[in-house]
Amino acid sequence: MAVDTKRVFRAGAYVAVLERLQRMAGHLLDIRQPVDGFDRRAGIAWLEFFCRGERQRREFASEGTWLDPQVISRRR
């Protein structure tokens, strides 16, 4: 499964990456209700979801249309 790292420029892009990672992990991640968005002025993309019943929020650098590689990191 490939991810086009140059096509992250609208809502749903980080959700698509997260859903793909979940499928690759055999749905072991228990991720529910993912939502993402962009704050272009602040240069931030964000991703929110529930994992094991706990709300999670991750923020990423938003530089043009490139995917921030931190999306696959476990760091907070």
PDB file of N, CA and C in Angstrom:
ATOM      1  N   MET A   1       0.833  -1.174   0.000  1.00  0.00           N
ATOM      2  CA  MET A   1       0.000   0.000   0.000  1.00  0.00           C
ATOM      3  C   MET A   1       0.875   1.234   0.000  1.00  0.00           C
ATOM      4  N   ALA A   2       0.707   2.082  -0.966  1.00  0.00           N
ATOM      5  CA  ALA A   2       1.510   3.296  -1.067  1.00  0.00           C
ATOM      6  C   ALA A   2       0.708   4.504  -0.608  1.00  0.00           C
ATOM      7  N   VAL A   3       1.425   5.470  -0.075  1.00  0.00           N
ATOM      8  CA  VAL A   3       0.831   6.740   0.319  1.00  0.00           C
ATOM      9  C   VAL A   3       1.540   7.816  -0.477  1.00  0.00           C
ATOM     10  N   ASP A   4       0.785   8.645  -1.181  1.00  0.00           N
ATOM     11  CA  ASP A   4       1.379   9.737  -1.936  1.00  0.00           C
ATOM     12  C   ASP A   4       1.668  10.874  -0.966  1.00  0.00           C
ATOM     13  N   THR A   5       2.933  11.037  -0.598  1.00  0.00           N
ATOM     14  CA  THR A   5       3.315  12.015   0.414  1.00  0.00           C
ATOM     15  C   THR A   5       3.239  13.454  -0.080  1.00  0.00           C
ATOM     16  N   LYS A   6       2.952  13.659  -1.344  1.00  0.00           N
ATOM     17  CA  LYS A   6       2.851  15.010  -1.883  1.00  0.00           C
ATOM     18  C   LYS A   6       1.398  15.426  -2.103  1.00  0.00           C
ATOM     19  N   ARG A   7       0.436  14.685  -1.569  1.00  0.00           N
ATOM     20  CA  ARG A   7      -0.971  15.000  -1.818  1.00  0.00           C
ATOM     21  C   ARG A   7      -1.721  15.315  -0.530  1.00  0.00           C
ATOM     22  N   VAL A   8      -1.065  15.936   0.416  1.00  0.00           N
ATOM     23  CA  VAL A   8      -1.685  16.253   1.693  1.00  0.00           C
ATOM     24  C   VAL A   8      -2.007  17.739   1.699  1.00  0.00           C
ATOM     25  N   PHE A   9      -3.169  18.085   1.189  1.00  0.00           N
ATOM     26  CA  PHE A   9      -3.499  19.500   1.106  1.00  0.00           C
ATOM     27  C   PHE A   9      -4.957  19.793   1.419  1.00  0.00           C
ATOM     28  N   ARG A  10      -5.723  18.802   1.826  1.00  0.00           N
ATOM     29  CA  ARG A  10      -7.125  19.060   2.157  1.00  0.00           C
ATOM     30  C   ARG A  10      -7.585  18.119   3.265  1.00  0.00           C
ATOM     31  N   ALA A  11      -8.675  18.485   3.893  1.00  0.00           N
ATOM     32  CA  ALA A  11      -9.239  17.666   4.972  1.00  0.00           C
ATOM     33  C   ALA A  11      -9.455  16.244   4.467  1.00  0.00           C
ATOM     34  N   GLY A  12      -9.161  15.294   5.313  1.00  0.00           N
ATOM     35  CA  GLY A  12      -9.308  13.882   4.967  1.00  0.00           C
ATOM     36  C   GLY A  12      -8.003  13.204   4.611  1.00  0.00           C
ATOM     37  N   ALA A  13      -6.959  13.976   4.333  1.00  0.00           N
ATOM     38  CA  ALA A  13      -5.681  13.396   3.908  1.00  0.00           C
ATOM     39  C   ALA A  13      -5.017  12.607   5.039  1.00  0.00           C
ATOM     40  N   TYR A  14      -4.946  13.188   6.230  1.00  0.00           N
ATOM     41  CA  TYR A  14      -4.323  12.475   7.347  1.00  0.00           C
ATOM     42  C   TYR A  14      -5.214  11.342   7.843  1.00  0.00           C
ATOM     43  N   VAL A  15      -6.523  11.507   7.739  1.00  0.00           N
ATOM     44  CA  VAL A  15      -7.441  10.412   8.084  1.00  0.00           C
ATOM     45  C   VAL A  15      -7.183   9.230   7.153  1.00  0.00           C
ATOM     46  N   ALA A  16      -7.005   9.492   5.868  1.00  0.00           N
ATOM     47  CA  ALA A  16      -6.737   8.417   4.904  1.00  0.00           C
ATOM     48  C   ALA A  16      -5.450   7.672   5.261  1.00  0.00           C
ATOM     49  N   VAL A  17      -4.410   8.402   5.670  1.00  0.00           N
ATOM     50  CA  VAL A  17      -3.148   7.766   6.068  1.00  0.00           C
ATOM     51  C   VAL A  17      -3.373   6.901   7.303  1.00  0.00           C
ATOM     52  N   LEU A  18      -4.079   7.443   8.294  1.00  0.00           N
ATOM     53  CA  LEU A  18      -4.351   6.694   9.525  1.00  0.00           C
ATOM     54  C   LEU A  18      -5.163   5.430   9.241  1.00  0.00           C
ATOM     55  N   GLU A  19      -6.169   5.548   8.394  1.00  0.00           N
ATOM     56  CA  GLU A  19      -6.977   4.372   8.058  1.00  0.00           C
ATOM     57  C   GLU A  19      -6.154   3.325   7.325  1.00  0.00           C
ATOM     58  N   ARG A  20      -5.253   3.758   6.474  1.00  0.00           N
ATOM     59  CA  ARG A  20      -4.383   2.820   5.765  1.00  0.00           C
ATOM     60  C   ARG A  20      -3.448   2.108   6.744  1.00  0.00           C
ATOM     61  N   LEU A  21      -2.886   2.854   7.700  1.00  0.00           N
ATOM     62  CA  LEU A  21      -2.030   2.238   8.714  1.00  0.00           C
ATOM     63  C   LEU A  21      -2.820   1.233   9.555  1.00  0.00           C
ATOM     64  N   GLN A  22      -4.066   1.565   9.845  1.00  0.00           N
ATOM     65  CA  GLN A  22      -4.910   0.658  10.614  1.00  0.00           C
ATOM     66  C   GLN A  22      -5.158  -0.643   9.844  1.00  0.00           C
ATOM     67  N   ARG A  23      -5.424  -0.533   8.554  1.00  0.00           N
ATOM     68  CA  ARG A  23      -5.617  -1.747   7.730  1.00  0.00           C
ATOM     69  C   ARG A  23      -4.334  -2.575   7.682  1.00  0.00           C
ATOM     70  N   MET A  24      -3.191  -1.905   7.556  1.00  0.00           N
ATOM     71  CA  MET A  24      -1.915  -2.616   7.505  1.00  0.00           C
ATOM     72  C   MET A  24      -1.635  -3.353   8.810  1.00  0.00           C
ATOM     73  N   ALA A  25      -2.121  -2.814   9.919  1.00  0.00           N
ATOM     74  CA  ALA A  25      -1.920  -3.433  11.232  1.00  0.00           C
ATOM     75  C   ALA A  25      -3.001  -4.455  11.553  1.00  0.00           C
ATOM     76  N   GLY A  26      -3.830  -4.760  10.592  1.00  0.00           N
ATOM     77  CA  GLY A  26      -4.880  -5.743  10.805  1.00  0.00           C
ATOM     78  C   GLY A  26      -5.947  -5.276  11.776  1.00  0.00           C
ATOM     79  N   HIS A  27      -6.190  -3.965  11.809  1.00  0.00           N
ATOM     80  CA  HIS A  27      -7.198  -3.352  12.679  1.00  0.00           C
ATOM     81  C   HIS A  27      -6.912  -3.569  14.163  1.00  0.00           C
ATOM     82  N   LEU A  28      -5.657  -3.813  14.515  1.00  0.00           N
ATOM     83  CA  LEU A  28      -5.273  -3.991  15.918  1.00  0.00           C
ATOM     84  C   LEU A  28      -5.161  -2.663  16.663  1.00  0.00           C
ATOM     85  N   LEU A  29      -5.173  -1.553  15.942  1.00  0.00           N
ATOM     86  CA  LEU A  29      -4.986  -0.253  16.567  1.00  0.00           C
ATOM     87  C   LEU A  29      -6.227   0.268  17.273  1.00  0.00           C
ATOM     88  N   ASP A  30      -7.397  -0.271  16.982  1.00  0.00           N
ATOM     89  CA  ASP A  30      -8.659   0.144  17.597  1.00  0.00           C
ATOM     90  C   ASP A  30      -8.857   1.660  17.523  1.00  0.00           C
ATOM     91  N   ILE A  31      -8.731   2.202  16.335  1.00  0.00           N
ATOM     92  CA  ILE A  31      -8.886   3.638  16.115  1.00  0.00           C
ATOM     93  C   ILE A  31     -10.303   3.911  15.630  1.00  0.00           C
ATOM     94  N   ARG A  32     -10.939   4.892  16.250  1.00  0.00           N
ATOM     95  CA  ARG A  32     -12.326   5.234  15.926  1.00  0.00           C
ATOM     96  C   ARG A  32     -12.460   6.739  15.708  1.00  0.00           C
ATOM     97  N   GLN A  33     -13.408   7.112  14.891  1.00  0.00           N
ATOM     98  CA  GLN A  33     -13.817   8.496  14.645  1.00  0.00           C
ATOM     99  C   GLN A  33     -12.655   9.443  14.315  1.00  0.00           C
ATOM    100  N   PRO A  34     -11.812   9.106  13.364  1.00  0.00           N
ATOM    101  CA  PRO A  34     -10.722  10.020  13.012  1.00  0.00           C
ATOM    102  C   PRO A  34     -11.238  11.256  12.275  1.00  0.00           C
ATOM    103  N   VAL A  35     -10.656  12.400  12.612  1.00  0.00           N
ATOM    104  CA  VAL A  35     -10.977  13.685  11.981  1.00  0.00           C
ATOM    105  C   VAL A  35      -9.666  14.440  11.843  1.00  0.00           C
ATOM    106  N   ASP A  36      -9.502  15.157  10.737  1.00  0.00           N
ATOM    107  CA  ASP A  36      -8.299  15.963  10.583  1.00  0.00           C
ATOM    108  C   ASP A  36      -8.647  17.338  10.043  1.00  0.00           C
ATOM    109  N   GLY A  37      -7.647  18.204  10.036  1.00  0.00           N
ATOM    110  CA  GLY A  37      -7.844  19.544   9.505  1.00  0.00           C
ATOM    111  C   GLY A  37      -6.514  20.255   9.367  1.00  0.00           C
ATOM    112  N   PHE A  38      -6.586  21.474   8.836  1.00  0.00           N
ATOM    113  CA  PHE A  38      -5.388  22.259   8.583  1.00  0.00           C
ATOM    114  C   PHE A  38      -5.596  23.686   9.056  1.00  0.00           C
ATOM    115  N   ASP A  39      -4.568  24.258   9.663  1.00  0.00           N
ATOM    116  CA  ASP A  39      -4.531  25.678   9.978  1.00  0.00           C
ATOM    117  C   ASP A  39      -3.367  26.231   9.170  1.00  0.00           C
ATOM    118  N   ARG A  40      -3.653  26.682   7.983  1.00  0.00           N
ATOM    119  CA  ARG A  40      -2.592  27.101   7.057  1.00  0.00           C
ATOM    120  C   ARG A  40      -1.807  28.303   7.574  1.00  0.00           C
ATOM    121  N   ARG A  41      -2.472  29.224   8.240  1.00  0.00           N
ATOM    122  CA  ARG A  41      -1.765  30.399   8.778  1.00  0.00           C
ATOM    123  C   ARG A  41      -0.724  29.999   9.814  1.00  0.00           C
ATOM    124  N   ALA A  42      -1.067  29.034  10.663  1.00  0.00           N
ATOM    125  CA  ALA A  42      -0.143  28.575  11.702  1.00  0.00           C
ATOM    126  C   ALA A  42       0.818  27.511  11.180  1.00  0.00           C
ATOM    127  N   GLY A  43       0.571  26.978   9.987  1.00  0.00           N
ATOM    128  CA  GLY A  43       1.430  25.939   9.422  1.00  0.00           C
ATOM    129  C   GLY A  43       1.271  24.609  10.129  1.00  0.00           C
ATOM    130  N   ILE A  44       0.034  24.311  10.560  1.00  0.00           N
ATOM    131  CA  ILE A  44      -0.230  23.099  11.333  1.00  0.00           C
ATOM    132  C   ILE A  44      -1.335  22.276  10.685  1.00  0.00           C
ATOM    133  N   ALA A  45      -1.119  20.986  10.651  1.00  0.00           N
ATOM    134  CA  ALA A  45      -2.173  20.021  10.327  1.00  0.00           C
ATOM    135  C   ALA A  45      -2.440  19.264  11.616  1.00  0.00           C
ATOM    136  N   TRP A  46      -3.671  18.811  11.827  1.00  0.00           N
ATOM    137  CA  TRP A  46      -3.976  18.074  13.048  1.00  0.00           C
ATOM    138  C   TRP A  46      -4.828  16.854  12.740  1.00  0.00           C
ATOM    139  N   LEU A  47      -4.741  15.909  13.645  1.00  0.00           N
ATOM    140  CA  LEU A  47      -5.468  14.647  13.520  1.00  0.00           C
ATOM    141  C   LEU A  47      -5.990  14.282  14.904  1.00  0.00           C
ATOM    142  N   GLU A  48      -7.297  14.054  14.998  1.00  0.00           N
ATOM    143  CA  GLU A  48      -7.919  13.622  16.247  1.00  0.00           C
ATOM    144  C   GLU A  48      -8.606  12.290  16.026  1.00  0.00           C
ATOM    145  N   PHE A  49      -8.585  11.443  17.065  1.00  0.00           N
ATOM    146  CA  PHE A  49      -9.226  10.139  16.982  1.00  0.00           C
ATOM    147  C   PHE A  49      -9.351   9.564  18.377  1.00  0.00           C
ATOM    148  N   PHE A  50     -10.135   8.521  18.509  1.00  0.00           N
ATOM    149  CA  PHE A  50     -10.230   7.775  19.757  1.00  0.00           C
ATOM    150  C   PHE A  50      -9.453   6.480  19.582  1.00  0.00           C
ATOM    151  N   CYS A  51      -8.632   6.153  20.568  1.00  0.00           N
ATOM    152  CA  CYS A  51      -7.884   4.908  20.577  1.00  0.00           C
ATOM    153  C   CYS A  51      -8.074   4.274  21.946  1.00  0.00           C
ATOM    154  N   ARG A  52      -8.651   3.076  21.944  1.00  0.00           N
ATOM    155  CA  ARG A  52      -8.972   2.380  23.200  1.00  0.00           C
ATOM    156  C   ARG A  52      -9.825   3.248  24.119  1.00  0.00           C
ATOM    157  N   GLY A  53     -10.740   4.003  23.511  1.00  0.00           N
ATOM    158  CA  GLY A  53     -11.672   4.828  24.259  1.00  0.00           C
ATOM    159  C   GLY A  53     -11.126   6.169  24.713  1.00  0.00           C
ATOM    160  N   GLU A  54      -9.870   6.463  24.407  1.00  0.00           N
ATOM    161  CA  GLU A  54      -9.241   7.698  24.841  1.00  0.00           C
ATOM    162  C   GLU A  54      -9.049   8.636  23.656  1.00  0.00           C
ATOM    163  N   ARG A  55      -9.445   9.896  23.809  1.00  0.00           N
ATOM    164  CA  ARG A  55      -9.294  10.873  22.729  1.00  0.00           C
ATOM    165  C   ARG A  55      -7.814  11.229  22.566  1.00  0.00           C
ATOM    166  N   GLN A  56      -7.355  11.233  21.327  1.00  0.00           N
ATOM    167  CA  GLN A  56      -5.970  11.570  20.986  1.00  0.00           C
ATOM    168  C   GLN A  56      -5.978  12.736  20.012  1.00  0.00           C
ATOM    169  N   ARG A  57      -5.003  13.611  20.110  1.00  0.00           N
ATOM    170  CA  ARG A  57      -4.828  14.686  19.137  1.00  0.00           C
ATOM    171  C   ARG A  57      -3.345  14.789  18.821  1.00  0.00           C
ATOM    172  N   ARG A  58      -3.041  14.839  17.551  1.00  0.00           N
ATOM    173  CA  ARG A  58      -1.665  14.993  17.088  1.00  0.00           C
ATOM    174  C   ARG A  58      -1.621  16.204  16.164  1.00  0.00           C
ATOM    175  N   GLU A  59      -0.568  16.985  16.274  1.00  0.00           N
ATOM    176  CA  GLU A  59      -0.366  18.116  15.375  1.00  0.00           C
ATOM    177  C   GLU A  59       0.923  17.893  14.598  1.00  0.00           C
ATOM    178  N   PHE A  60       0.901  18.336  13.352  1.00  0.00           N
ATOM    179  CA  PHE A  60       2.021  18.124  12.445  1.00  0.00           C
ATOM    180  C   PHE A  60       2.346  19.420  11.724  1.00  0.00           C
ATOM    181  N   ALA A  61       3.592  19.525  11.274  1.00  0.00           N
ATOM    182  CA  ALA A  61       3.973  20.660  10.440  1.00  0.00           C
ATOM    183  C   ALA A  61       3.229  20.542   9.114  1.00  0.00           C
ATOM    184  N   SER A  62       2.712  21.653   8.651  1.00  0.00           N
ATOM    185  CA  SER A  62       2.015  21.674   7.366  1.00  0.00           C
ATOM    186  C   SER A  62       2.767  22.612   6.441  1.00  0.00           C
ATOM    187  N   GLU A  63       3.573  22.022   5.569  1.00  0.00           N
ATOM    188  CA  GLU A  63       4.388  22.793   4.643  1.00  0.00           C
ATOM    189  C   GLU A  63       3.986  22.433   3.227  1.00  0.00           C
ATOM    190  N   GLY A  64       3.128  23.208   2.656  1.00  0.00           N
ATOM    191  CA  GLY A  64       2.657  22.920   1.306  1.00  0.00           C
ATOM    192  C   GLY A  64       1.814  21.668   1.286  1.00  0.00           C
ATOM    193  N   THR A  65       2.182  20.734   0.438  1.00  0.00           N
ATOM    194  CA  THR A  65       1.380  19.514   0.273  1.00  0.00           C
ATOM    195  C   THR A  65       2.096  18.271   0.753  1.00  0.00           C
ATOM    196  N   TRP A  66       3.183  18.426   1.504  1.00  0.00           N
ATOM    197  CA  TRP A  66       3.964  17.272   1.946  1.00  0.00           C
ATOM    198  C   TRP A  66       3.432  16.698   3.243  1.00  0.00           C
ATOM    199  N   LEU A  67       3.402  15.390   3.338  1.00  0.00           N
ATOM    200  CA  LEU A  67       3.018  14.679   4.550  1.00  0.00           C
ATOM    201  C   LEU A  67       4.138  14.785   5.575  1.00  0.00           C
ATOM    202  N   ASP A  68       3.805  15.159   6.799  1.00  0.00           N
ATOM    203  CA  ASP A  68       4.796  15.187   7.875  1.00  0.00           C
ATOM    204  C   ASP A  68       5.055  13.746   8.308  1.00  0.00           C
ATOM    205  N   PRO A  69       6.287  13.260   8.263  1.00  0.00           N
ATOM    206  CA  PRO A  69       6.567  11.864   8.626  1.00  0.00           C
ATOM    207  C   PRO A  69       6.247  11.534  10.078  1.00  0.00           C
ATOM    208  N   GLN A  70       6.047  12.536  10.918  1.00  0.00           N
ATOM    209  CA  GLN A  70       5.699  12.282  12.318  1.00  0.00           C
ATOM    210  C   GLN A  70       4.332  11.620  12.462  1.00  0.00           C
ATOM    211  N   VAL A  71       3.551  11.583  11.390  1.00  0.00           N
ATOM    212  CA  VAL A  71       2.222  10.961  11.451  1.00  0.00           C
ATOM    213  C   VAL A  71       2.332   9.483  11.830  1.00  0.00           C
ATOM    214  N   ILE A  72       3.457   8.850  11.546  1.00  0.00           N
ATOM    215  CA  ILE A  72       3.589   7.428  11.888  1.00  0.00           C
ATOM    216  C   ILE A  72       4.435   7.211  13.129  1.00  0.00           C
ATOM    217  N   SER A  73       4.733   8.281  13.858  1.00  0.00           N
ATOM    218  CA  SER A  73       5.502   8.175  15.091  1.00  0.00           C
ATOM    219  C   SER A  73       4.566   8.006  16.277  1.00  0.00           C
ATOM    220  N   ARG A  74       5.042   7.319  17.307  1.00  0.00           N
ATOM    221  CA  ARG A  74       4.247   7.154  18.537  1.00  0.00           C
ATOM    222  C   ARG A  74       4.460   8.314  19.496  1.00  0.00           C
ATOM    223  N   ARG A  75       5.374   9.194  19.179  1.00  0.00           N
ATOM    224  CA  ARG A  75       5.643  10.334  20.056  1.00  0.00           C
ATOM    225  C   ARG A  75       4.449  11.255  20.114  1.00  0.00           C
ATOM    226  N   ARG A  76       4.287  11.895  21.244  1.00  0.00           N
ATOM    227  CA  ARG A  76       3.180  12.856  21.423  1.00  0.00           C
ATOM    228  C   ARG A  76       3.673  14.254  21.237  1.00  0.00           C
TER     229      ARG A  76
END
